[in-house]
Each structure stands twice: as C-alpha cells, then as structure tokens.
C-alpha cells in the first residue's frame, strides 16, 4: 500500500470514529467540513480549482457547502474509496501518490492534533525521508510570504534547506513531519525549536504560510 493510500485509510477511520462535529486545525472547519473539502477536491473537478485560485473560491465554497449537507457517512466513504477513474487522480499513473501523500498526511494531522492528548507519530524511515524531501523542495514556495528569513533544519541530521533568504533569519529545527506542518501554516501545533531574534520569531509564528 502506498503512503497516500495508507494516510487516506487512516484519516477516514479517524473521521468515522469522531463523527461530523469534531474540531480540526483548519480554521472554522469541523470534521464534516474537512470531509466535504476532500470530496470536492477529488470528485468535483468543476469546483476544485477554487481551492487554490482566489477568484474562483466563492463558487468552490458554495459547492462545498452543498456537499457538506449530504450524509456524513457518505462523504467519508467517498474519501475512503479514492478518486474515480475519470478524474486526473485516477487517470494519470502516479499522480495519487505524488499529490495525495502530503495532502492526506497534513489533513490527517489536522484532525489528530485538534483532539486532546495527541502525540506525534513515529513514522517509517522512508516516509520520514519523503516528507523531508517534499518540504525542502517546496520550502521557497511555502515560506514566500514570510516576513523574515527562514532556514529549515532537520533534527538529528545535518540536513538544511533555505526557505527564504533574508536577514534576520529564523532557524526552524524539528523532525520532518513537524517542519512540514509548520510550513503548511500549522505553526502553533508543530513541535519545533525556533532560533532567532525574538521579534523575528514572533513575526514568523504569526505569518500566513503554506501553498
């Protein structure tokens, strides 16, 4: 099983367990909203573009609200089944793993870390390596709106990635999964160490990061 499929299976199991009204780290979203988002993203090609394209966002929000009104169990089951064959995710070999490994990992953590008593997962070494490669490769995109310079440092290794070349810079150190979540704008829920001028750290913590 690919890690994209494993994360998909894990998040749908958790969504089933928690029901439609549990909190998530996505501002203003309960678990039903997140399930609807995942359905729209994979099954409503007409609306999916509005997730990333600002002027299309109102249409996407409207479609997502309509999808959310459907029975919760149906939504979770559609996420569990995966993308239909007629969608890009079903048609293009390797696209599901290339795109959905990170998508489902982050949203799985959005649900996990919004619940009391969460702890970071211990990840297989190859998944940990994959997360680092993705966050390092995309660092300049993730941190393009950062008001200060940023250097990512993978804990326990000598690996670094320059996310934004600016002075002063904040060095963000942590395991791969924590750096990924920090880069995707979950700063308050990522267990990292921040080294830099206090005012620069404060600005980075309050910045809007991610895609």
C-alpha atoms as a PDB file:
ATOM      1  CA  UNK A   1       0.000   0.000   0.000  1.00  0.00           C
ATOM      2  CA  UNK A   2       1.313   3.461  -0.919  1.00  0.00           C
ATOM      3  CA  UNK A   3       1.614   6.074   1.788  1.00  0.00           C
ATOM      4  CA  UNK A   4      -1.080   8.124   0.045  1.00  0.00           C
ATOM      5  CA  UNK A   5      -3.461   5.196   0.433  1.00  0.00           C
ATOM      6  CA  UNK A   6      -2.319   4.500   3.986  1.00  0.00           C
ATOM      7  CA  UNK A   7      -2.953   8.112   5.056  1.00  0.00           C
ATOM      8  CA  UNK A   8      -6.313   8.056   3.267  1.00  0.00           C
ATOM      9  CA  UNK A   9      -7.305   4.906   5.166  1.00  0.00           C
ATOM     10  CA  UNK A  10      -6.112   6.363   8.467  1.00  0.00           C
ATOM     11  CA  UNK A  11      -7.933   9.682   8.149  1.00  0.00           C
ATOM     12  CA  UNK A  12     -11.214   8.060   7.101  1.00  0.00           C
ATOM     13  CA  UNK A  13     -11.043   5.696  10.064  1.00  0.00           C
ATOM     14  CA  UNK A  14     -10.493   8.659  12.365  1.00  0.00           C
ATOM     15  CA  UNK A  15     -13.305  10.649  10.719  1.00  0.00           C
ATOM     16  CA  UNK A  16     -15.609   7.684  11.276  1.00  0.00           C
ATOM     17  CA  UNK A  17     -14.603   7.470  14.935  1.00  0.00           C
ATOM     18  CA  UNK A  18     -15.016  11.192  15.661  1.00  0.00           C
ATOM     19  CA  UNK A  19     -18.220  11.937  13.764  1.00  0.00           C
ATOM     20  CA  UNK A  20     -19.102  15.130  11.853  1.00  0.00           C
ATOM     21  CA  UNK A  21     -18.742  17.777  14.569  1.00  0.00           C
ATOM     22  CA  UNK A  22     -15.224  17.257  15.930  1.00  0.00           C
ATOM     23  CA  UNK A  23     -12.731  20.130  15.725  1.00  0.00           C
ATOM     24  CA  UNK A  24      -9.881  20.319  13.233  1.00  0.00           C
ATOM     25  CA  UNK A  25      -6.898  22.621  12.828  1.00  0.00           C
ATOM     26  CA  UNK A  26      -8.484  24.140   9.713  1.00  0.00           C
ATOM     27  CA  UNK A  27      -9.961  27.422  10.929  1.00  0.00           C
ATOM     28  CA  UNK A  28     -13.737  27.255  11.156  1.00  0.00           C
ATOM     29  CA  UNK A  29     -13.940  23.661   9.944  1.00  0.00           C
ATOM     30  CA  UNK A  30     -15.360  20.674  11.754  1.00  0.00           C
ATOM     31  CA  UNK A  31     -14.664  17.143  10.560  1.00  0.00           C
ATOM     32  CA  UNK A  32     -17.693  17.290   8.221  1.00  0.00           C
ATOM     33  CA  UNK A  33     -16.244  20.377   6.526  1.00  0.00           C
ATOM     34  CA  UNK A  34     -12.899  18.665   6.039  1.00  0.00           C
ATOM     35  CA  UNK A  35     -14.574  15.558   4.610  1.00  0.00           C
ATOM     36  CA  UNK A  36     -16.533  17.761   2.201  1.00  0.00           C
ATOM     37  CA  UNK A  37     -13.336  19.537   1.161  1.00  0.00           C
ATOM     38  CA  UNK A  38     -11.672  16.216   0.329  1.00  0.00           C
ATOM     39  CA  UNK A  39     -14.679  15.086  -1.702  1.00  0.00           C
ATOM     40  CA  UNK A  40     -14.819  18.345  -3.674  1.00  0.00           C
ATOM     41  CA  UNK A  41     -11.091  18.257  -4.302  1.00  0.00           C
ATOM     42  CA  UNK A  42     -11.218  14.795  -5.873  1.00  0.00           C
ATOM     43  CA  UNK A  43     -14.714  14.469  -7.305  1.00  0.00           C
ATOM     44  CA  UNK A  44     -15.859  17.969  -8.280  1.00  0.00           C
ATOM     45  CA  UNK A  45     -13.351  18.973 -10.916  1.00  0.00           C
ATOM     46  CA  UNK A  46     -15.511  21.989 -11.794  1.00  0.00           C
ATOM     47  CA  UNK A  47     -15.028  23.364  -8.272  1.00  0.00           C
ATOM     48  CA  UNK A  48     -11.607  22.074  -7.247  1.00  0.00           C
ATOM     49  CA  UNK A  49      -9.706  24.943  -8.887  1.00  0.00           C
ATOM     50  CA  UNK A  50     -11.177  27.401  -6.393  1.00  0.00           C
ATOM     51  CA  UNK A  51      -9.195  25.744  -3.601  1.00  0.00           C
ATOM     52  CA  UNK A  52      -6.076  27.412  -4.970  1.00  0.00           C
ATOM     53  CA  UNK A  53      -7.370  30.153  -7.300  1.00  0.00           C
ATOM     54  CA  UNK A  54      -8.724  33.079  -5.300  1.00  0.00           C
ATOM     55  CA  UNK A  55     -11.298  34.485  -7.736  1.00  0.00           C
ATOM     56  CA  UNK A  56     -12.877  31.029  -8.102  1.00  0.00           C
ATOM     57  CA  UNK A  57     -13.091  30.473  -4.333  1.00  0.00           C
ATOM     58  CA  UNK A  58     -16.713  31.689  -3.880  1.00  0.00           C
ATOM     59  CA  UNK A  59     -18.005  29.016  -6.270  1.00  0.00           C
ATOM     60  CA  UNK A  60     -15.902  26.376  -4.533  1.00  0.00           C
ATOM     61  CA  UNK A  61     -17.250  27.406  -1.116  1.00  0.00           C
ATOM     62  CA  UNK A  62     -20.803  27.167  -2.407  1.00  0.00           C
ATOM     63  CA  UNK A  63     -20.217  23.686  -3.811  1.00  0.00           C
ATOM     64  CA  UNK A  64     -18.507  22.568  -0.602  1.00  0.00           C
ATOM     65  CA  UNK A  65     -21.466  23.747   1.469  1.00  0.00           C
ATOM     66  CA  UNK A  66     -23.791  21.723  -0.740  1.00  0.00           C
ATOM     67  CA  UNK A  67     -21.579  18.655  -0.403  1.00  0.00           C
ATOM     68  CA  UNK A  68     -21.348  19.095   3.372  1.00  0.00           C
ATOM     69  CA  UNK A  69     -25.145  18.948   3.607  1.00  0.00           C
ATOM     70  CA  UNK A  70     -25.079  15.343   2.404  1.00  0.00           C
ATOM     71  CA  UNK A  71     -24.963  12.483   4.944  1.00  0.00           C
ATOM     72  CA  UNK A  72     -21.585  12.463   6.672  1.00  0.00           C
ATOM     73  CA  UNK A  73     -21.111   8.703   6.302  1.00  0.00           C
ATOM     74  CA  UNK A  74     -21.455   9.070   2.518  1.00  0.00           C
ATOM     75  CA  UNK A  75     -18.756  11.713   2.388  1.00  0.00           C
ATOM     76  CA  UNK A  76     -16.309   9.702   4.459  1.00  0.00           C
ATOM     77  CA  UNK A  77     -16.985   6.626   2.330  1.00  0.00           C
ATOM     78  CA  UNK A  78     -16.290   8.568  -0.874  1.00  0.00           C
ATOM     79  CA  UNK A  79     -12.989   9.768   0.554  1.00  0.00           C
ATOM     80  CA  UNK A  80     -12.186   6.179   1.549  1.00  0.00           C
ATOM     81  CA  UNK A  81     -12.926   4.853  -1.941  1.00  0.00           C
ATOM     82  CA  UNK A  82     -10.423   7.191  -3.534  1.00  0.00           C
ATOM     83  CA  UNK A  83     -10.638   9.227  -6.717  1.00  0.00           C
ATOM     84  CA  UNK A  84     -12.897   7.982  -9.531  1.00  0.00           C
ATOM     85  CA  UNK A  85     -11.114   6.645 -12.614  1.00  0.00           C
ATOM     86  CA  UNK A  86     -12.338   9.551 -14.743  1.00  0.00           C
ATOM     87  CA  UNK A  87     -10.549  12.168 -12.623  1.00  0.00           C
ATOM     88  CA  UNK A  88      -6.898  13.198 -13.109  1.00  0.00           C
ATOM     89  CA  UNK A  89      -6.004  11.298  -9.925  1.00  0.00           C
ATOM     90  CA  UNK A  90      -7.488   8.132 -11.414  1.00  0.00           C
ATOM     91  CA  UNK A  91      -6.261   8.619 -14.980  1.00  0.00           C
ATOM     92  CA  UNK A  92      -2.640   9.686 -14.532  1.00  0.00           C
ATOM     93  CA  UNK A  93      -0.385   6.946 -13.116  1.00  0.00           C
ATOM     94  CA  UNK A  94       1.470   8.028 -10.005  1.00  0.00           C
ATOM     95  CA  UNK A  95      -0.469  11.284  -9.513  1.00  0.00           C
ATOM     96  CA  UNK A  96      -2.301   9.984  -6.440  1.00  0.00           C
ATOM     97  CA  UNK A  97       0.968   9.217  -4.638  1.00  0.00           C
ATOM     98  CA  UNK A  98       2.702  12.353  -5.899  1.00  0.00           C
ATOM     99  CA  UNK A  99      -0.010  14.722  -4.690  1.00  0.00           C
ATOM    100  CA  UNK A 100      -2.059  12.942  -2.064  1.00  0.00           C
ATOM    101  CA  UNK A 101       0.672  11.667   0.230  1.00  0.00           C
ATOM    102  CA  UNK A 102       1.235  15.195   1.551  1.00  0.00           C
ATOM    103  CA  UNK A 103      -2.435  16.251   1.272  1.00  0.00           C
ATOM    104  CA  UNK A 104      -3.704  13.369   3.355  1.00  0.00           C
ATOM    105  CA  UNK A 105      -0.796  13.417   5.790  1.00  0.00           C
ATOM    106  CA  UNK A 106      -1.405  17.084   6.616  1.00  0.00           C
ATOM    107  CA  UNK A 107      -5.178  16.717   6.888  1.00  0.00           C
ATOM    108  CA  UNK A 108      -4.816  13.555   8.971  1.00  0.00           C
ATOM    109  CA  UNK A 109      -2.719  15.598  11.385  1.00  0.00           C
ATOM    110  CA  UNK A 110      -5.278  18.425  11.192  1.00  0.00           C
ATOM    111  CA  UNK A 111      -7.772  16.034  12.730  1.00  0.00           C
ATOM    112  CA  UNK A 112      -5.408  14.217  15.112  1.00  0.00           C
ATOM    113  CA  UNK A 113      -3.837  17.344  16.576  1.00  0.00           C
ATOM    114  CA  UNK A 114      -7.139  19.075  17.193  1.00  0.00           C
ATOM    115  CA  UNK A 115      -8.056  16.361  19.701  1.00  0.00           C
ATOM    116  CA  UNK A 116      -6.928  16.256  23.327  1.00  0.00           C
ATOM    117  CA  UNK A 117      -3.869  14.201  24.216  1.00  0.00           C
ATOM    118  CA  UNK A 118      -2.329  13.907  20.743  1.00  0.00           C
ATOM    119  CA  UNK A 119       1.314  12.999  20.330  1.00  0.00           C
ATOM    120  CA  UNK A 120       3.484  12.976  17.189  1.00  0.00           C
ATOM    121  CA  UNK A 121       3.502   9.709  15.316  1.00  0.00           C
ATOM    122  CA  UNK A 122       6.594   7.583  14.845  1.00  0.00           C
ATOM    123  CA  UNK A 123       6.956   7.335  11.085  1.00  0.00           C
ATOM    124  CA  UNK A 124       8.663   4.735   8.909  1.00  0.00           C
ATOM    125  CA  UNK A 125      12.091   5.945   7.833  1.00  0.00           C
ATOM    126  CA  UNK A 126      11.207   6.115   4.142  1.00  0.00           C
ATOM    127  CA  UNK A 127       8.085   8.201   4.821  1.00  0.00           C
ATOM    128  CA  UNK A 128      10.111  10.497   7.062  1.00  0.00           C
ATOM    129  CA  UNK A 129      12.656  10.903   4.240  1.00  0.00           C
ATOM    130  CA  UNK A 130       9.882  11.596   1.742  1.00  0.00           C
ATOM    131  CA  UNK A 131       8.351  14.315   3.921  1.00  0.00           C
ATOM    132  CA  UNK A 132      11.735  15.999   4.284  1.00  0.00           C
ATOM    133  CA  UNK A 133      12.349  15.900   0.532  1.00  0.00           C
ATOM    134  CA  UNK A 134       8.943  17.452  -0.155  1.00  0.00           C
ATOM    135  CA  UNK A 135       9.262  20.212   2.439  1.00  0.00           C
ATOM    136  CA  UNK A 136      12.841  21.014   1.399  1.00  0.00           C
ATOM    137  CA  UNK A 137      11.930  21.102  -2.296  1.00  0.00           C
ATOM    138  CA  UNK A 138       8.917  23.339  -1.696  1.00  0.00           C
ATOM    139  CA  UNK A 139      10.388  25.498   1.060  1.00  0.00           C
ATOM    140  CA  UNK A 140      10.683  28.672  -1.003  1.00  0.00           C
ATOM    141  CA  UNK A 141       7.044  28.385  -2.049  1.00  0.00           C
ATOM    142  CA  UNK A 142       5.771  27.564   1.435  1.00  0.00           C
ATOM    143  CA  UNK A 143       7.639  30.488   3.013  1.00  0.00           C
ATOM    144  CA  UNK A 144       7.315  33.036   0.201  1.00  0.00           C
ATOM    145  CA  UNK A 145       5.058  35.220   2.383  1.00  0.00           C
ATOM    146  CA  UNK A 146       7.267  35.008   5.443  1.00  0.00           C
ATOM    147  CA  UNK A 147       8.170  38.458   6.787  1.00  0.00           C
ATOM    148  CA  UNK A 148      11.605  37.182   7.874  1.00  0.00           C
ATOM    149  CA  UNK A 149      14.275  34.846   6.584  1.00  0.00           C
ATOM    150  CA  UNK A 150      13.834  31.146   7.304  1.00  0.00           C
ATOM    151  CA  UNK A 151      16.195  28.172   7.378  1.00  0.00           C
ATOM    152  CA  UNK A 152      14.813  24.688   7.983  1.00  0.00           C
ATOM    153  CA  UNK A 153      16.977  22.189   9.842  1.00  0.00           C
ATOM    154  CA  UNK A 154      16.037  18.522  10.063  1.00  0.00           C
ATOM    155  CA  UNK A 155      16.599  17.329  13.619  1.00  0.00           C
ATOM    156  CA  UNK A 156      19.161  14.582  14.127  1.00  0.00           C
ATOM    157  CA  UNK A 157      20.740  15.110  10.707  1.00  0.00           C
ATOM    158  CA  UNK A 158      22.966  17.664   9.080  1.00  0.00           C
ATOM    159  CA  UNK A 159      20.318  18.498   6.507  1.00  0.00           C
ATOM    160  CA  UNK A 160      19.216  22.079   5.976  1.00  0.00           C
ATOM    161  CA  UNK A 161      17.048  23.930   3.477  1.00  0.00           C
ATOM    162  CA  UNK A 162      16.999  27.647   2.844  1.00  0.00           C
ATOM    163  CA  UNK A 163      13.334  28.603   2.791  1.00  0.00           C
ATOM    164  CA  UNK A 164      13.710  32.377   2.470  1.00  0.00           C
ATOM    165  CA  UNK A 165      16.954  34.238   2.066  1.00  0.00           C
ATOM    166  CA  UNK A 166      16.543  37.379   4.151  1.00  0.00           C
ATOM    167  CA  UNK A 167      18.081  38.946   7.212  1.00  0.00           C
ATOM    168  CA  UNK A 168      17.319  38.405  10.026  1.00  0.00           C
ATOM    169  CA  UNK A 169      16.612  34.704   9.674  1.00  0.00           C
ATOM    170  CA  UNK A 170      14.917  32.240  11.998  1.00  0.00           C
ATOM    171  CA  UNK A 171      16.233  28.683  12.104  1.00  0.00           C
ATOM    172  CA  UNK A 172      13.369  26.188  12.457  1.00  0.00           C
ATOM    173  CA  UNK A 173      14.542  22.794  13.738  1.00  0.00           C
ATOM    174  CA  UNK A 174      12.461  19.645  14.070  1.00  0.00           C
ATOM    175  CA  UNK A 175      11.597  16.233  12.651  1.00  0.00           C
ATOM    176  CA  UNK A 176      10.386  16.121   9.068  1.00  0.00           C
ATOM    177  CA  UNK A 177       6.688  15.901   9.921  1.00  0.00           C
ATOM    178  CA  UNK A 178       6.910  18.903  12.245  1.00  0.00           C
ATOM    179  CA  UNK A 179       8.719  21.001   9.643  1.00  0.00           C
ATOM    180  CA  UNK A 180       6.104  20.041   7.054  1.00  0.00           C
ATOM    181  CA  UNK A 181       3.219  21.067   9.297  1.00  0.00           C
ATOM    182  CA  UNK A 182       4.979  24.304  10.220  1.00  0.00           C
ATOM    183  CA  UNK A 183       5.494  25.052   6.519  1.00  0.00           C
ATOM    184  CA  UNK A 184       1.808  24.405   5.845  1.00  0.00           C
ATOM    185  CA  UNK A 185       0.789  27.074   8.339  1.00  0.00           C
ATOM    186  CA  UNK A 186       0.220  24.911  11.415  1.00  0.00           C
ATOM    187  CA  UNK A 187       2.879  26.783  13.406  1.00  0.00           C
ATOM    188  CA  UNK A 188       1.036  26.575  16.725  1.00  0.00           C
ATOM    189  CA  UNK A 189       0.750  22.792  16.504  1.00  0.00           C
ATOM    190  CA  UNK A 190       4.189  21.880  15.159  1.00  0.00           C
ATOM    191  CA  UNK A 191       6.772  20.798  17.703  1.00  0.00           C
ATOM    192  CA  UNK A 192       9.844  22.659  16.516  1.00  0.00           C
ATOM    193  CA  UNK A 193      12.613  24.762  18.015  1.00  0.00           C
ATOM    194  CA  UNK A 194      12.913  28.342  16.796  1.00  0.00           C
ATOM    195  CA  UNK A 195      16.244  30.157  16.940  1.00  0.00           C
ATOM    196  CA  UNK A 196      16.393  33.848  16.092  1.00  0.00           C
ATOM    197  CA  UNK A 197      15.629  37.334  17.292  1.00  0.00           C
ATOM    198  CA  UNK A 198      12.510  37.219  19.489  1.00  0.00           C
ATOM    199  CA  UNK A 199      10.661  39.736  17.317  1.00  0.00           C
ATOM    200  CA  UNK A 200      11.534  37.743  14.174  1.00  0.00           C
ATOM    201  CA  UNK A 201      10.290  34.518  15.764  1.00  0.00           C
ATOM    202  CA  UNK A 202       7.053  36.274  16.713  1.00  0.00           C
ATOM    203  CA  UNK A 203       6.554  37.539  13.162  1.00  0.00           C
ATOM    204  CA  UNK A 204       7.166  34.070  11.703  1.00  0.00           C
ATOM    205  CA  UNK A 205       4.755  32.455  14.131  1.00  0.00           C
ATOM    206  CA  UNK A 206       2.039  34.882  13.042  1.00  0.00           C
ATOM    207  CA  UNK A 207       2.743  34.656   9.307  1.00  0.00           C
ATOM    208  CA  UNK A 208       0.395  33.113   6.787  1.00  0.00           C
ATOM    209  CA  UNK A 209       2.385  30.191   5.392  1.00  0.00           C
ATOM    210  CA  UNK A 210       1.729  27.323   3.001  1.00  0.00           C
ATOM    211  CA  UNK A 211       0.564  26.881  -0.546  1.00  0.00           C
END
